[in-house]
Every structure is written in C-alpha cells, then in structure tokens.
PDB file of N, CA and C in Angstrom:
ATOM      1  N   UNK A   1     -52.093 -43.492  21.483  1.00  0.00           N
ATOM      2  CA  UNK A   1     -51.913 -43.333  20.162  1.00  0.00           C
ATOM      3  C   UNK A   1     -50.534 -42.258  20.772  1.00  0.00           C
ATOM      4  N   UNK A   2     -51.452 -40.929  20.839  1.00  0.00           N
ATOM      5  CA  UNK A   2     -50.822 -39.897  20.803  1.00  0.00           C
ATOM      6  C   UNK A   2     -49.274 -40.030  21.116  1.00  0.00           C
ATOM      7  N   UNK A   3     -49.151 -40.378  22.574  1.00  0.00           N
ATOM      8  CA  UNK A   3     -47.756 -40.736  22.613  1.00  0.00           C
ATOM      9  C   UNK A   3     -46.698 -41.450  22.188  1.00  0.00           C
ATOM     10  N   UNK A   4     -47.498 -42.892  21.932  1.00  0.00           N
ATOM     11  CA  UNK A   4     -47.208 -43.768  20.925  1.00  0.00           C
ATOM     12  C   UNK A   4     -45.801 -43.849  20.427  1.00  0.00           C
ATOM     13  N   UNK A   5     -45.961 -43.061  19.747  1.00  0.00           N
ATOM     14  CA  UNK A   5     -44.200 -42.680  18.550  1.00  0.00           C
ATOM     15  C   UNK A   5     -43.034 -42.026  19.629  1.00  0.00           C
ATOM     16  N   UNK A   6     -43.424 -41.330  20.661  1.00  0.00           N
ATOM     17  CA  UNK A   6     -42.631 -41.164  21.258  1.00  0.00           C
ATOM     18  C   UNK A   6     -41.894 -41.710  22.273  1.00  0.00           C
ATOM     19  N   UNK A   7     -42.784 -42.731  22.961  1.00  0.00           N
ATOM     20  CA  UNK A   7     -42.929 -43.578  23.191  1.00  0.00           C
ATOM     21  C   UNK A   7     -41.821 -44.926  22.485  1.00  0.00           C
ATOM     22  N   UNK A   8     -42.328 -44.918  21.565  1.00  0.00           N
ATOM     23  CA  UNK A   8     -41.925 -45.915  20.334  1.00  0.00           C
ATOM     24  C   UNK A   8     -39.150 -45.258  20.250  1.00  0.00           C
ATOM     25  N   UNK A   9     -40.255 -44.635  20.667  1.00  0.00           N
ATOM     26  CA  UNK A   9     -38.486 -43.875  20.014  1.00  0.00           C
ATOM     27  C   UNK A   9     -37.134 -43.508  21.144  1.00  0.00           C
ATOM     28  N   UNK A  10     -38.132 -43.184  22.361  1.00  0.00           N
ATOM     29  CA  UNK A  10     -37.222 -44.294  23.335  1.00  0.00           C
ATOM     30  C   UNK A  10     -37.321 -45.581  23.552  1.00  0.00           C
ATOM     31  N   UNK A  11     -37.801 -46.548  23.309  1.00  0.00           N
ATOM     32  CA  UNK A  11     -37.712 -47.465  23.745  1.00  0.00           C
ATOM     33  C   UNK A  11     -36.139 -48.053  22.581  1.00  0.00           C
ATOM     34  N   UNK A  12     -36.818 -47.804  21.703  1.00  0.00           N
ATOM     35  CA  UNK A  12     -35.563 -48.187  20.322  1.00  0.00           C
ATOM     36  C   UNK A  12     -34.143 -47.849  20.560  1.00  0.00           C
ATOM     37  N   UNK A  13     -33.851 -45.898  21.380  1.00  0.00           N
ATOM     38  CA  UNK A  13     -33.383 -45.985  21.897  1.00  0.00           C
ATOM     39  C   UNK A  13     -31.712 -46.672  23.125  1.00  0.00           C
ATOM     40  N   UNK A  14     -33.077 -46.925  23.928  1.00  0.00           N
ATOM     41  CA  UNK A  14     -32.830 -47.898  25.005  1.00  0.00           C
ATOM     42  C   UNK A  14     -31.983 -49.197  24.496  1.00  0.00           C
ATOM     43  N   UNK A  15     -32.868 -49.399  23.207  1.00  0.00           N
ATOM     44  CA  UNK A  15     -32.493 -51.189  23.392  1.00  0.00           C
ATOM     45  C   UNK A  15     -31.178 -50.632  22.404  1.00  0.00           C
ATOM     46  N   UNK A  16     -30.557 -49.880  21.638  1.00  0.00           N
ATOM     47  CA  UNK A  16     -29.538 -50.018  21.040  1.00  0.00           C
ATOM     48  C   UNK A  16     -28.321 -49.326  21.637  1.00  0.00           C
ATOM     49  N   UNK A  17     -28.476 -48.775  23.159  1.00  0.00           N
ATOM     50  CA  UNK A  17     -27.339 -48.497  23.714  1.00  0.00           C
ATOM     51  C   UNK A  17     -27.340 -49.456  24.482  1.00  0.00           C
ATOM     52  N   UNK A  18     -28.103 -50.586  25.054  1.00  0.00           N
ATOM     53  CA  UNK A  18     -28.170 -51.693  25.461  1.00  0.00           C
ATOM     54  C   UNK A  18     -26.768 -52.682  25.348  1.00  0.00           C
ATOM     55  N   UNK A  19     -26.945 -52.499  23.836  1.00  0.00           N
ATOM     56  CA  UNK A  19     -26.520 -53.494  22.673  1.00  0.00           C
ATOM     57  C   UNK A  19     -24.765 -53.501  22.360  1.00  0.00           C
ATOM     58  N   UNK A  20     -24.373 -52.078  23.115  1.00  0.00           N
ATOM     59  CA  UNK A  20     -23.200 -51.740  22.406  1.00  0.00           C
ATOM     60  C   UNK A  20     -22.379 -52.518  23.643  1.00  0.00           C
ATOM     61  N   UNK A  21     -21.011 -53.415  22.787  1.00  0.00           N
ATOM     62  CA  UNK A  21     -19.833 -54.725  23.819  1.00  0.00           C
ATOM     63  C   UNK A  21     -19.138 -53.069  24.540  1.00  0.00           C
ATOM     64  N   UNK A  22     -19.086 -53.198  26.321  1.00  0.00           N
ATOM     65  CA  UNK A  22     -18.192 -52.497  26.549  1.00  0.00           C
ATOM     66  C   UNK A  22     -16.611 -53.049  26.780  1.00  0.00           C
ATOM     67  N   UNK A  23     -16.139 -53.944  26.028  1.00  0.00           N
ATOM     68  CA  UNK A  23     -15.285 -54.521  26.277  1.00  0.00           C
ATOM     69  C   UNK A  23     -14.131 -54.848  25.051  1.00  0.00           C
ATOM     70  N   UNK A  24     -15.235 -53.976  24.456  1.00  0.00           N
ATOM     71  CA  UNK A  24     -15.186 -54.319  22.933  1.00  0.00           C
ATOM     72  C   UNK A  24     -13.751 -53.069  22.375  1.00  0.00           C
ATOM     73  N   UNK A  25     -12.635 -53.263  21.709  1.00  0.00           N
ATOM     74  CA  UNK A  25     -11.769 -53.313  21.761  1.00  0.00           C
ATOM     75  C   UNK A  25     -11.629 -51.504  20.440  1.00  0.00           C
ATOM     76  N   UNK A  26     -11.620 -50.951  21.022  1.00  0.00           N
ATOM     77  CA  UNK A  26     -12.776 -49.190  20.103  1.00  0.00           C
ATOM     78  C   UNK A  26     -10.830 -49.318  19.218  1.00  0.00           C
ATOM     79  N   UNK A  27     -11.429 -49.054  18.422  1.00  0.00           N
ATOM     80  CA  UNK A  27     -10.157 -48.555  17.294  1.00  0.00           C
ATOM     81  C   UNK A  27      -9.771 -47.042  17.603  1.00  0.00           C
ATOM     82  N   UNK A  28      -7.901 -47.031  17.868  1.00  0.00           N
ATOM     83  CA  UNK A  28      -7.430 -45.373  17.666  1.00  0.00           C
ATOM     84  C   UNK A  28      -7.024 -45.348  16.458  1.00  0.00           C
ATOM     85  N   UNK A  29      -7.236 -43.903  16.042  1.00  0.00           N
ATOM     86  CA  UNK A  29      -6.691 -43.309  15.176  1.00  0.00           C
ATOM     87  C   UNK A  29      -5.947 -42.347  15.501  1.00  0.00           C
ATOM     88  N   UNK A  30      -4.565 -42.596  15.115  1.00  0.00           N
ATOM     89  CA  UNK A  30      -3.550 -41.159  15.671  1.00  0.00           C
ATOM     90  C   UNK A  30      -3.310 -40.110  14.323  1.00  0.00           C
ATOM     91  N   UNK A  31      -3.419 -38.930  14.595  1.00  0.00           N
ATOM     92  CA  UNK A  31      -3.453 -37.802  13.123  1.00  0.00           C
ATOM     93  C   UNK A  31      -1.866 -37.559  13.404  1.00  0.00           C
ATOM     94  N   UNK A  32      -0.552 -37.497  12.779  1.00  0.00           N
ATOM     95  CA  UNK A  32       0.336 -37.096  12.831  1.00  0.00           C
ATOM     96  C   UNK A  32       0.449 -35.268  12.852  1.00  0.00           C
ATOM     97  N   UNK A  33       1.477 -35.076  13.358  1.00  0.00           N
ATOM     98  CA  UNK A  33       1.607 -33.493  14.316  1.00  0.00           C
ATOM     99  C   UNK A  33       1.924 -32.886  12.815  1.00  0.00           C
ATOM    100  N   UNK A  34       1.873 -31.939  12.518  1.00  0.00           N
ATOM    101  CA  UNK A  34       2.868 -30.980  11.147  1.00  0.00           C
ATOM    102  C   UNK A  34       3.567 -31.183  11.202  1.00  0.00           C
ATOM    103  N   UNK A  35       4.512 -31.330  10.273  1.00  0.00           N
ATOM    104  CA  UNK A  35       5.813 -31.471   9.597  1.00  0.00           C
ATOM    105  C   UNK A  35       6.589 -30.338   9.980  1.00  0.00           C
ATOM    106  N   UNK A  36       7.874 -29.953  10.736  1.00  0.00           N
ATOM    107  CA  UNK A  36       8.476 -29.248  11.064  1.00  0.00           C
ATOM    108  C   UNK A  36      10.051 -29.260   9.787  1.00  0.00           C
ATOM    109  N   UNK A  37       9.994 -28.513   9.193  1.00  0.00           N
ATOM    110  CA  UNK A  37      11.535 -28.370   8.345  1.00  0.00           C
ATOM    111  C   UNK A  37      12.766 -28.128   9.113  1.00  0.00           C
ATOM    112  N   UNK A  38      13.461 -29.301   9.062  1.00  0.00           N
ATOM    113  CA  UNK A  38      14.961 -28.396   9.626  1.00  0.00           C
ATOM    114  C   UNK A  38      15.892 -27.787   8.538  1.00  0.00           C
ATOM    115  N   UNK A  39      16.574 -27.358   7.971  1.00  0.00           N
ATOM    116  CA  UNK A  39      17.594 -26.814   7.529  1.00  0.00           C
ATOM    117  C   UNK A  39      18.474 -27.095   6.975  1.00  0.00           C
ATOM    118  N   UNK A  40      19.017 -27.779   6.501  1.00  0.00           N
ATOM    119  CA  UNK A  40      20.406 -28.633   5.973  1.00  0.00           C
ATOM    120  C   UNK A  40      21.595 -27.985   6.386  1.00  0.00           C
ATOM    121  N   UNK A  41      22.956 -28.797   5.841  1.00  0.00           N
ATOM    122  CA  UNK A  41      24.311 -27.920   5.883  1.00  0.00           C
ATOM    123  C   UNK A  41      24.351 -27.009   4.085  1.00  0.00           C
ATOM    124  N   UNK A  42      24.511 -25.611   4.128  1.00  0.00           N
ATOM    125  CA  UNK A  42      24.855 -24.813   3.402  1.00  0.00           C
ATOM    126  C   UNK A  42      25.217 -25.328   1.933  1.00  0.00           C
ATOM    127  N   UNK A  43      24.934 -24.913   0.753  1.00  0.00           N
ATOM    128  CA  UNK A  43      25.813 -25.273   0.341  1.00  0.00           C
ATOM    129  C   UNK A  43      27.157 -24.680  -1.109  1.00  0.00           C
ATOM    130  N   UNK A  44      27.772 -25.351  -2.013  1.00  0.00           N
ATOM    131  CA  UNK A  44      28.871 -24.630  -2.281  1.00  0.00           C
ATOM    132  C   UNK A  44      28.846 -22.891  -2.467  1.00  0.00           C
ATOM    133  N   UNK A  45      29.451 -22.893  -2.583  1.00  0.00           N
ATOM    134  CA  UNK A  45      29.260 -20.661  -3.064  1.00  0.00           C
ATOM    135  C   UNK A  45      28.856 -20.803  -4.862  1.00  0.00           C
ATOM    136  N   UNK A  46      27.875 -20.367  -4.881  1.00  0.00           N
ATOM    137  CA  UNK A  46      27.702 -20.033  -6.385  1.00  0.00           C
ATOM    138  C   UNK A  46      29.411 -19.034  -7.087  1.00  0.00           C
ATOM    139  N   UNK A  47      28.817 -18.970  -8.851  1.00  0.00           N
ATOM    140  CA  UNK A  47      30.009 -18.977  -9.413  1.00  0.00           C
ATOM    141  C   UNK A  47      30.189 -16.937  -9.464  1.00  0.00           C
ATOM    142  N   UNK A  48      30.971 -15.819  -9.705  1.00  0.00           N
ATOM    143  CA  UNK A  48      31.473 -15.084  -9.891  1.00  0.00           C
ATOM    144  C   UNK A  48      30.264 -14.247 -10.952  1.00  0.00           C
ATOM    145  N   UNK A  49      29.415 -13.471 -10.815  1.00  0.00           N
ATOM    146  CA  UNK A  49      28.652 -13.475 -12.457  1.00  0.00           C
ATOM    147  C   UNK A  49      29.916 -12.213 -12.621  1.00  0.00           C
ATOM    148  N   UNK A  50      29.876 -12.430 -14.702  1.00  0.00           N
ATOM    149  CA  UNK A  50      29.754 -11.422 -15.012  1.00  0.00           C
ATOM    150  C   UNK A  50      30.313  -9.859 -14.964  1.00  0.00           C
ATOM    151  N   UNK A  51      31.317  -9.300 -15.852  1.00  0.00           N
ATOM    152  CA  UNK A  51      31.885  -7.880 -14.924  1.00  0.00           C
ATOM    153  C   UNK A  51      31.193  -6.957 -16.256  1.00  0.00           C
ATOM    154  N   UNK A  52      30.241  -5.630 -15.594  1.00  0.00           N
ATOM    155  CA  UNK A  52      29.337  -5.572 -16.915  1.00  0.00           C
ATOM    156  C   UNK A  52      29.544  -4.672 -17.960  1.00  0.00           C
ATOM    157  N   UNK A  53      29.582  -3.870 -18.558  1.00  0.00           N
ATOM    158  CA  UNK A  53      29.597  -3.012 -19.534  1.00  0.00           C
ATOM    159  C   UNK A  53      30.318  -1.653 -18.996  1.00  0.00           C
ATOM    160  N   UNK A  54      30.758  -0.542 -19.442  1.00  0.00           N
ATOM    161  CA  UNK A  54      31.077   0.176 -19.117  1.00  0.00           C
ATOM    162  C   UNK A  54      30.072   1.318 -19.726  1.00  0.00           C
ATOM    163  N   UNK A  55      29.264   2.539 -19.337  1.00  0.00           N
ATOM    164  CA  UNK A  55      28.435   3.552 -19.717  1.00  0.00           C
ATOM    165  C   UNK A  55      28.962   4.294 -21.383  1.00  0.00           C
ATOM    166  N   UNK A  56      28.828   5.021 -22.613  1.00  0.00           N
ATOM    167  CA  UNK A  56      28.801   5.787 -22.883  1.00  0.00           C
ATOM    168  C   UNK A  56      29.350   7.148 -22.464  1.00  0.00           C
ATOM    169  N   UNK A  57      30.209   7.469 -22.569  1.00  0.00           N
ATOM    170  CA  UNK A  57      30.818   8.867 -22.294  1.00  0.00           C
ATOM    171  C   UNK A  57      30.232  10.143 -23.317  1.00  0.00           C
ATOM    172  N   UNK A  58      29.388  10.714 -22.124  1.00  0.00           N
ATOM    173  CA  UNK A  58      28.346  12.757 -22.209  1.00  0.00           C
ATOM    174  C   UNK A  58      29.531  12.942 -23.513  1.00  0.00           C
ATOM    175  N   UNK A  59      28.571  13.705 -24.131  1.00  0.00           N
ATOM    176  CA  UNK A  59      29.187  14.781 -24.822  1.00  0.00           C
ATOM    177  C   UNK A  59      28.856  15.963 -24.366  1.00  0.00           C
ATOM    178  N   UNK A  60      30.828  16.251 -24.869  1.00  0.00           N
ATOM    179  CA  UNK A  60      31.502  18.047 -24.597  1.00  0.00           C
ATOM    180  C   UNK A  60      30.858  18.754 -24.670  1.00  0.00           C
ATOM    181  N   UNK A  61      29.733  19.939 -24.026  1.00  0.00           N
ATOM    182  CA  UNK A  61      30.032  21.093 -24.012  1.00  0.00           C
ATOM    183  C   UNK A  61      30.110  22.023 -24.648  1.00  0.00           C
ATOM    184  N   UNK A  62      29.336  22.542 -25.319  1.00  0.00           N
ATOM    185  CA  UNK A  62      29.807  23.788 -26.371  1.00  0.00           C
ATOM    186  C   UNK A  62      30.171  24.812 -25.487  1.00  0.00           C
ATOM    187  N   UNK A  63      31.871  25.688 -26.230  1.00  0.00           N
ATOM    188  CA  UNK A  63      32.919  26.668 -25.281  1.00  0.00           C
ATOM    189  C   UNK A  63      31.882  28.176 -25.410  1.00  0.00           C
ATOM    190  N   UNK A  64      32.000  28.700 -24.836  1.00  0.00           N
ATOM    191  CA  UNK A  64      30.718  29.850 -24.446  1.00  0.00           C
ATOM    192  C   UNK A  64      32.404  31.284 -25.500  1.00  0.00           C
ATOM    193  N   UNK A  65      31.459  31.858 -25.859  1.00  0.00           N
ATOM    194  CA  UNK A  65      31.944  33.059 -26.537  1.00  0.00           C
ATOM    195  C   UNK A  65      33.363  34.233 -26.080  1.00  0.00           C
ATOM    196  N   UNK A  66      33.981  34.923 -25.942  1.00  0.00           N
ATOM    197  CA  UNK A  66      34.617  35.245 -25.532  1.00  0.00           C
ATOM    198  C   UNK A  66      33.884  36.478 -25.231  1.00  0.00           C
ATOM    199  N   UNK A  67      34.709  37.232 -24.303  1.00  0.00           N
ATOM    200  CA  UNK A  67      33.835  38.736 -23.805  1.00  0.00           C
ATOM    201  C   UNK A  67      34.984  39.782 -24.345  1.00  0.00           C
ATOM    202  N   UNK A  68      34.187  40.500 -25.085  1.00  0.00           N
ATOM    203  CA  UNK A  68      34.852  41.999 -25.286  1.00  0.00           C
ATOM    204  C   UNK A  68      35.913  42.471 -24.273  1.00  0.00           C
ATOM    205  N   UNK A  69      37.208  42.811 -25.187  1.00  0.00           N
ATOM    206  CA  UNK A  69      38.569  43.473 -24.733  1.00  0.00           C
ATOM    207  C   UNK A  69      38.188  44.717 -23.841  1.00  0.00           C
ATOM    208  N   UNK A  70      38.056  45.612 -22.125  1.00  0.00           N
ATOM    209  CA  UNK A  70      37.969  46.261 -22.288  1.00  0.00           C
ATOM    210  C   UNK A  70      38.753  47.781 -22.448  1.00  0.00           C
ATOM    211  N   UNK A  71      37.919  48.527 -22.561  1.00  0.00           N
ATOM    212  CA  UNK A  71      38.475  50.025 -23.388  1.00  0.00           C
ATOM    213  C   UNK A  71      39.508  50.566 -21.616  1.00  0.00           C
ATOM    214  N   UNK A  72      41.269  51.387 -22.559  1.00  0.00           N
ATOM    215  CA  UNK A  72      41.814  51.581 -21.542  1.00  0.00           C
ATOM    216  C   UNK A  72      41.928  52.288 -21.031  1.00  0.00           C
ATOM    217  N   UNK A  73      42.188  52.683 -19.570  1.00  0.00           N
ATOM    218  CA  UNK A  73      42.297  54.472 -18.445  1.00  0.00           C
ATOM    219  C   UNK A  73      42.513  55.790 -19.204  1.00  0.00           C
ATOM    220  N   UNK A  74      42.736  55.971 -18.448  1.00  0.00           N
ATOM    221  CA  UNK A  74      42.863  58.022 -19.301  1.00  0.00           C
ATOM    222  C   UNK A  74      44.545  57.384 -18.254  1.00  0.00           C
ATOM    223  N   UNK A  75      45.202  58.096 -19.247  1.00  0.00           N
ATOM    224  CA  UNK A  75      46.811  57.750 -18.051  1.00  0.00           C
ATOM    225  C   UNK A  75      46.688  58.996 -17.526  1.00  0.00           C
ATOM    226  N   UNK A  76      47.377  58.968 -16.227  1.00  0.00           N
ATOM    227  CA  UNK A  76      47.158  59.439 -14.801  1.00  0.00           C
ATOM    228  C   UNK A  76      48.229  60.862 -15.095  1.00  0.00           C
ATOM    229  N   UNK A  77      48.303  62.325 -14.045  1.00  0.00           N
ATOM    230  CA  UNK A  77      49.604  63.423 -14.231  1.00  0.00           C
ATOM    231  C   UNK A  77      50.462  63.225 -13.795  1.00  0.00           C
ATOM    232  N   UNK A  78      51.668  63.797 -14.512  1.00  0.00           N
ATOM    233  CA  UNK A  78      52.937  63.350 -13.281  1.00  0.00           C
ATOM    234  C   UNK A  78      53.339  63.465 -12.674  1.00  0.00           C
ATOM    235  N   UNK A  79      53.523  63.153 -11.255  1.00  0.00           N
ATOM    236  CA  UNK A  79      53.968  64.234  -9.832  1.00  0.00           C
ATOM    237  C   UNK A  79      54.524  65.226  -9.636  1.00  0.00           C
ATOM    238  N   UNK A  80      54.629  66.128  -8.581  1.00  0.00           N
ATOM    239  CA  UNK A  80      56.016  66.816  -8.445  1.00  0.00           C
ATOM    240  C   UNK A  80      56.853  65.913  -8.010  1.00  0.00           C
ATOM    241  N   UNK A  81      58.135  66.892  -8.606  1.00  0.00           N
ATOM    242  CA  UNK A  81      58.998  66.319  -8.433  1.00  0.00           C
ATOM    243  C   UNK A  81      59.683  67.005  -6.462  1.00  0.00           C
ATOM    244  N   UNK A  82      60.511  65.986  -5.999  1.00  0.00           N
ATOM    245  CA  UNK A  82      60.476  66.063  -4.637  1.00  0.00           C
ATOM    246  C   UNK A  82      62.010  67.783  -4.553  1.00  0.00           C
ATOM    247  N   UNK A  83      61.798  67.898  -3.163  1.00  0.00           N
ATOM    248  CA  UNK A  83      63.272  68.577  -2.767  1.00  0.00           C
ATOM    249  C   UNK A  83      64.066  67.630  -2.845  1.00  0.00           C
ATOM    250  N   UNK A  84      65.480  68.897  -3.315  1.00  0.00           N
ATOM    251  CA  UNK A  84      66.717  67.779  -3.216  1.00  0.00           C
ATOM    252  C   UNK A  84      66.512  67.572  -1.222  1.00  0.00           C
ATOM    253  N   UNK A  85      67.273  66.740  -0.803  1.00  0.00           N
ATOM    254  CA  UNK A  85      67.321  66.333   0.418  1.00  0.00           C
ATOM    255  C   UNK A  85      68.842  66.203   1.309  1.00  0.00           C
ATOM    256  N   UNK A  86      69.376  66.296   1.939  1.00  0.00           N
ATOM    257  CA  UNK A  86      70.755  65.615   2.308  1.00  0.00           C
ATOM    258  C   UNK A  86      70.912  65.431   3.985  1.00  0.00           C
ATOM    259  N   UNK A  87      71.820  63.894   3.650  1.00  0.00           N
ATOM    260  CA  UNK A  87      72.037  63.135   5.292  1.00  0.00           C
ATOM    261  C   UNK A  87      72.938  63.328   5.089  1.00  0.00           C
ATOM    262  N   UNK A  88      73.124  63.664   6.442  1.00  0.00           N
ATOM    263  CA  UNK A  88      74.560  63.497   6.709  1.00  0.00           C
ATOM    264  C   UNK A  88      74.943  62.284   7.964  1.00  0.00           C
ATOM    265  N   UNK A  89      76.226  61.271   7.505  1.00  0.00           N
ATOM    266  CA  UNK A  89      76.619  60.791   8.348  1.00  0.00           C
ATOM    267  C   UNK A  89      77.325  60.894   9.717  1.00  0.00           C
ATOM    268  N   UNK A  90      77.038  61.007  10.778  1.00  0.00           N
ATOM    269  CA  UNK A  90      78.245  61.010  11.684  1.00  0.00           C
ATOM    270  C   UNK A  90      79.155  59.802  11.897  1.00  0.00           C
ATOM    271  N   UNK A  91      80.665  60.772  12.027  1.00  0.00           N
ATOM    272  CA  UNK A  91      81.838  59.776  12.216  1.00  0.00           C
ATOM    273  C   UNK A  91      81.305  58.567  13.793  1.00  0.00           C
ATOM    274  N   UNK A  92      81.704  57.798  13.288  1.00  0.00           N
ATOM    275  CA  UNK A  92      81.701  56.505  14.788  1.00  0.00           C
ATOM    276  C   UNK A  92      82.982  57.166  15.831  1.00  0.00           C
ATOM    277  N   UNK A  93      81.862  57.065  17.312  1.00  0.00           N
ATOM    278  CA  UNK A  93      83.165  57.460  18.384  1.00  0.00           C
ATOM    279  C   UNK A  93      83.804  56.839  18.845  1.00  0.00           C
ATOM    280  N   UNK A  94      84.869  57.444  18.922  1.00  0.00           N
ATOM    281  CA  UNK A  94      86.243  56.028  18.954  1.00  0.00           C
ATOM    282  C   UNK A  94      86.571  56.016  20.412  1.00  0.00           C
ATOM    283  N   UNK A  95      87.439  55.257  20.454  1.00  0.00           N
ATOM    284  CA  UNK A  95      87.195  53.274  21.990  1.00  0.00           C
ATOM    285  C   UNK A  95      87.746  54.425  22.958  1.00  0.00           C
ATOM    286  N   UNK A  96      87.203  53.811  24.561  1.00  0.00           N
ATOM    287  CA  UNK A  96      88.009  54.631  25.152  1.00  0.00           C
ATOM    288  C   UNK A  96      89.476  54.324  25.676  1.00  0.00           C
ATOM    289  N   UNK A  97      90.110  55.313  26.021  1.00  0.00           N
ATOM    290  CA  UNK A  97      91.356  53.611  26.715  1.00  0.00           C
ATOM    291  C   UNK A  97      91.732  53.419  27.748  1.00  0.00           C
TER     292      UNK A  97
END
C-alpha cells in the first residue's frame, strides 16, 4: 500500500504511451517569417514653399554732439632775413677745330 500510488502512476504512463500511433500524420504548423519592407520608387517632388516676409528695419541711432572748437595757437616769430648771394654761371666752352 505504501508504494501502490507510485506503481499505479507508472503503469498509467506506460499504458498511455503504448496507445500513440506512430504512423499517424502529424500536424505541421508553419510560422511566417518577419515581413521585410521594400521601398518603392520615389514619388514626385512637392511644390515649392512660399517666400517669407521681409523683417522690419531697425531704428536709426542718435547723432552724437559736436565737440568744442580748439583754441588757436600763438603766431610764431618772424625768421631772420638771409644774406644776398650771387651765383655766377661760367660761359660754355668753345668747340675745338
């Protein structure tokens, strides 16, 4: 009685194993592979976008103040008058005959 449950389980497993028909047609399940996306031809080019608007012109800066006019310098002293110098130009040499 101690091992009767074990023997009953073993006997049942062997009996069920013997009932399997080896020549039966097994069912084959085919799992489809992952689908690979193939790109097609390029489509036509889209329309050109609109031209953007021109931005606002900035403000003109302020004109700076005019500076003060400088003082006029002192007049220099008159220079010394030079001596008179006479330059004598010699005559041209005469050609030889």
